[in-house]
Amino acid sequence: MADVSTGQAWAVDAYGCRPEGLRSLDVLARVFDAVVREAALRPLRAPVWHAFPAPGGVTGFLLLQESHLAVHTFPERGFAAFDLYCCRARAPWRWEERLAQLLGAQRVVVRELARGEAPR
């Protein structure tokens, strides 16, 4: 069976973020809006959000025609974990630059994974 790519995934860890931004549905919605707009993604519905009681953070999920975008925040640690999966190859979003602007991230680690390709 030939290897067939079924897309790309990005696991993104953002450190040193502003805690108030990691608790704010408005701020996180702006991040989702920026990813969708700048990466030319196509949402199927509005995002689903769950805010945990303080000092907890927020979990968000957006169903896309391409697959999904998710975030889990930990304001008490200044940390956010994002996952984006797209069923077709595309250029990576500018995670480092944009999360620094939108969340005040001091350090961003991006791991990209090709999905559906058998390991060699």
C-alpha atoms as a PDB file:
ATOM      1  CA  MET A   1       0.000   0.000   0.000  1.00  0.00           C
ATOM      2  CA  ALA A   2       1.415   3.398  -0.974  1.00  0.00           C
ATOM      3  CA  ASP A   3       1.888   6.090   1.615  1.00  0.00           C
ATOM      4  CA  VAL A   4      -0.849   8.693   1.294  1.00  0.00           C
ATOM      5  CA  SER A   5      -0.771  11.836   3.360  1.00  0.00           C
ATOM      6  CA  THR A   6      -4.008  12.694   5.089  1.00  0.00           C
ATOM      7  CA  GLY A   7      -2.891  16.086   6.246  1.00  0.00           C
ATOM      8  CA  GLN A   8      -0.810  17.935   8.761  1.00  0.00           C
ATOM      9  CA  ALA A   9      -1.092  18.544  12.454  1.00  0.00           C
ATOM     10  CA  TRP A  10       0.508  21.194  14.609  1.00  0.00           C
ATOM     11  CA  ALA A  11       0.943  20.784  18.362  1.00  0.00           C
ATOM     12  CA  VAL A  12       1.840  24.189  19.767  1.00  0.00           C
ATOM     13  CA  ASP A  13       2.950  25.002  23.311  1.00  0.00           C
ATOM     14  CA  ALA A  14       2.962  28.672  24.306  1.00  0.00           C
ATOM     15  CA  TYR A  15       4.867  29.644  27.485  1.00  0.00           C
ATOM     16  CA  GLY A  16       4.995  32.892  29.440  1.00  0.00           C
ATOM     17  CA  CYS A  17       1.545  34.044  28.303  1.00  0.00           C
ATOM     18  CA  ARG A  18      -0.427  36.721  30.125  1.00  0.00           C
ATOM     19  CA  PRO A  19      -2.644  34.867  32.652  1.00  0.00           C
ATOM     20  CA  GLU A  20      -5.578  37.245  32.128  1.00  0.00           C
ATOM     21  CA  GLY A  21      -5.549  36.469  28.388  1.00  0.00           C
ATOM     22  CA  LEU A  22      -5.584  32.756  29.098  1.00  0.00           C
ATOM     23  CA  ARG A  23      -8.766  33.207  31.162  1.00  0.00           C
ATOM     24  CA  SER A  24     -10.495  35.472  28.645  1.00  0.00           C
ATOM     25  CA  LEU A  25     -12.948  34.011  26.146  1.00  0.00           C
ATOM     26  CA  ASP A  26     -12.709  37.256  24.159  1.00  0.00           C
ATOM     27  CA  VAL A  27      -8.912  37.059  23.860  1.00  0.00           C
ATOM     28  CA  LEU A  28      -8.955  33.374  22.940  1.00  0.00           C
ATOM     29  CA  ALA A  29     -11.739  33.966  20.404  1.00  0.00           C
ATOM     30  CA  ARG A  30      -9.472  36.597  18.788  1.00  0.00           C
ATOM     31  CA  VAL A  31      -6.717  33.969  18.546  1.00  0.00           C
ATOM     32  CA  PHE A  32      -9.112  31.494  16.894  1.00  0.00           C
ATOM     33  CA  ASP A  33     -10.378  34.228  14.548  1.00  0.00           C
ATOM     34  CA  ALA A  34      -6.806  35.103  13.545  1.00  0.00           C
ATOM     35  CA  VAL A  35      -5.884  31.461  12.868  1.00  0.00           C
ATOM     36  CA  VAL A  36      -9.033  30.938  10.787  1.00  0.00           C
ATOM     37  CA  ARG A  37      -8.668  34.149   8.792  1.00  0.00           C
ATOM     38  CA  GLU A  38      -4.909  34.071   8.227  1.00  0.00           C
ATOM     39  CA  ALA A  39      -4.699  30.329   7.479  1.00  0.00           C
ATOM     40  CA  ALA A  40      -7.796  30.469   5.223  1.00  0.00           C
ATOM     41  CA  LEU A  41      -9.658  27.840   7.260  1.00  0.00           C
ATOM     42  CA  ARG A  42     -13.402  27.203   7.014  1.00  0.00           C
ATOM     43  CA  PRO A  43     -15.359  26.786  10.266  1.00  0.00           C
ATOM     44  CA  LEU A  44     -18.436  24.587  10.228  1.00  0.00           C
ATOM     45  CA  ARG A  45     -19.909  26.058  13.413  1.00  0.00           C
ATOM     46  CA  ALA A  46     -19.097  28.589  16.109  1.00  0.00           C
ATOM     47  CA  PRO A  47     -16.377  27.552  18.572  1.00  0.00           C
ATOM     48  CA  VAL A  48     -17.356  25.746  21.749  1.00  0.00           C
ATOM     49  CA  TRP A  49     -15.810  27.168  24.939  1.00  0.00           C
ATOM     50  CA  HIS A  50     -15.651  26.002  28.526  1.00  0.00           C
ATOM     51  CA  ALA A  51     -14.221  28.279  31.211  1.00  0.00           C
ATOM     52  CA  PHE A  52     -13.139  26.505  34.376  1.00  0.00           C
ATOM     53  CA  PRO A  53     -13.548  28.156  37.799  1.00  0.00           C
ATOM     54  CA  ALA A  54     -10.626  30.385  38.834  1.00  0.00           C
ATOM     55  CA  PRO A  55      -7.744  29.888  38.871  1.00  0.00           C
ATOM     56  CA  GLY A  56      -8.427  27.492  35.987  1.00  0.00           C
ATOM     57  CA  GLY A  57      -8.333  28.292  32.332  1.00  0.00           C
ATOM     58  CA  VAL A  58     -10.342  27.646  29.222  1.00  0.00           C
ATOM     59  CA  THR A  59     -10.847  24.813  26.773  1.00  0.00           C
ATOM     60  CA  GLY A  60     -11.976  25.690  23.269  1.00  0.00           C
ATOM     61  CA  PHE A  61     -12.773  23.656  20.177  1.00  0.00           C
ATOM     62  CA  LEU A  62     -13.592  24.676  16.620  1.00  0.00           C
ATOM     63  CA  LEU A  63     -14.824  22.179  14.046  1.00  0.00           C
ATOM     64  CA  LEU A  64     -13.429  22.993  10.605  1.00  0.00           C
ATOM     65  CA  GLN A  65     -14.070  21.707   7.107  1.00  0.00           C
ATOM     66  CA  GLU A  66     -10.355  20.931   7.224  1.00  0.00           C
ATOM     67  CA  SER A  67     -10.686  19.173  10.626  1.00  0.00           C
ATOM     68  CA  HIS A  68     -10.290  21.038  13.941  1.00  0.00           C
ATOM     69  CA  LEU A  69      -8.594  23.666  16.106  1.00  0.00           C
ATOM     70  CA  ALA A  70      -8.396  23.254  19.879  1.00  0.00           C
ATOM     71  CA  VAL A  71      -6.863  25.066  22.856  1.00  0.00           C
ATOM     72  CA  HIS A  72      -6.397  24.297  26.538  1.00  0.00           C
ATOM     73  CA  THR A  73      -5.068  27.071  28.790  1.00  0.00           C
ATOM     74  CA  PHE A  74      -3.402  27.012  32.188  1.00  0.00           C
ATOM     75  CA  PRO A  75      -3.280  30.645  33.403  1.00  0.00           C
ATOM     76  CA  GLU A  76      -1.694  29.691  36.708  1.00  0.00           C
ATOM     77  CA  ARG A  77       1.303  28.490  34.672  1.00  0.00           C
ATOM     78  CA  GLY A  78       1.127  31.059  31.845  1.00  0.00           C
ATOM     79  CA  PHE A  79       0.757  28.149  29.417  1.00  0.00           C
ATOM     80  CA  ALA A  80      -1.508  27.367  26.457  1.00  0.00           C
ATOM     81  CA  ALA A  81      -1.617  24.215  24.321  1.00  0.00           C
ATOM     82  CA  PHE A  82      -3.022  24.517  20.802  1.00  0.00           C
ATOM     83  CA  ASP A  83      -3.743  21.737  18.326  1.00  0.00           C
ATOM     84  CA  LEU A  84      -4.577  22.289  14.679  1.00  0.00           C
ATOM     85  CA  TYR A  85      -5.229  19.423  12.288  1.00  0.00           C
ATOM     86  CA  CYS A  86      -5.825  20.004   8.596  1.00  0.00           C
ATOM     87  CA  CYS A  87      -6.676  17.137   6.248  1.00  0.00           C
ATOM     88  CA  ARG A  88      -4.732  18.754   3.404  1.00  0.00           C
ATOM     89  CA  ALA A  89      -1.219  20.126   3.336  1.00  0.00           C
ATOM     90  CA  ARG A  90      -0.949  23.869   3.873  1.00  0.00           C
ATOM     91  CA  ALA A  91       1.578  26.468   4.877  1.00  0.00           C
ATOM     92  CA  PRO A  92       2.102  26.724   8.636  1.00  0.00           C
ATOM     93  CA  TRP A  93       0.523  29.607  10.513  1.00  0.00           C
ATOM     94  CA  ARG A  94       2.917  32.121  12.143  1.00  0.00           C
ATOM     95  CA  TRP A  95       2.391  30.657  15.626  1.00  0.00           C
ATOM     96  CA  GLU A  96       5.433  32.234  17.290  1.00  0.00           C
ATOM     97  CA  GLU A  97       4.816  35.768  16.067  1.00  0.00           C
ATOM     98  CA  ARG A  98       1.043  35.801  16.453  1.00  0.00           C
ATOM     99  CA  LEU A  99       0.870  34.164  19.918  1.00  0.00           C
ATOM    100  CA  ALA A 100       3.463  36.659  21.138  1.00  0.00           C
ATOM    101  CA  GLN A 101       1.225  39.475  19.865  1.00  0.00           C
ATOM    102  CA  LEU A 102      -2.126  38.066  20.974  1.00  0.00           C
ATOM    103  CA  LEU A 103      -1.233  36.314  24.258  1.00  0.00           C
ATOM    104  CA  GLY A 104       2.118  37.813  25.182  1.00  0.00           C
ATOM    105  CA  ALA A 105       3.804  34.414  24.741  1.00  0.00           C
ATOM    106  CA  GLN A 106       7.489  34.584  25.616  1.00  0.00           C
ATOM    107  CA  ARG A 107       8.340  31.215  24.051  1.00  0.00           C
ATOM    108  CA  VAL A 108       6.425  29.114  21.530  1.00  0.00           C
ATOM    109  CA  VAL A 109       7.301  25.546  20.587  1.00  0.00           C
ATOM    110  CA  VAL A 110       5.716  24.263  17.375  1.00  0.00           C
ATOM    111  CA  ARG A 111       5.760  20.586  16.467  1.00  0.00           C
ATOM    112  CA  GLU A 112       4.505  19.697  12.996  1.00  0.00           C
ATOM    113  CA  LEU A 113       3.442  16.186  12.107  1.00  0.00           C
ATOM    114  CA  ALA A 114       2.486  14.721   8.743  1.00  0.00           C
ATOM    115  CA  ARG A 115      -0.588  12.525   9.304  1.00  0.00           C
ATOM    116  CA  GLY A 116      -1.381   9.307   7.502  1.00  0.00           C
ATOM    117  CA  GLU A 117       2.171   8.590   6.393  1.00  0.00           C
ATOM    118  CA  ALA A 118       3.495   5.264   7.575  1.00  0.00           C
ATOM    119  CA  PRO A 119       6.704   5.576   9.606  1.00  0.00           C
ATOM    120  CA  ARG A 120       9.773   4.231   7.862  1.00  0.00           C
END
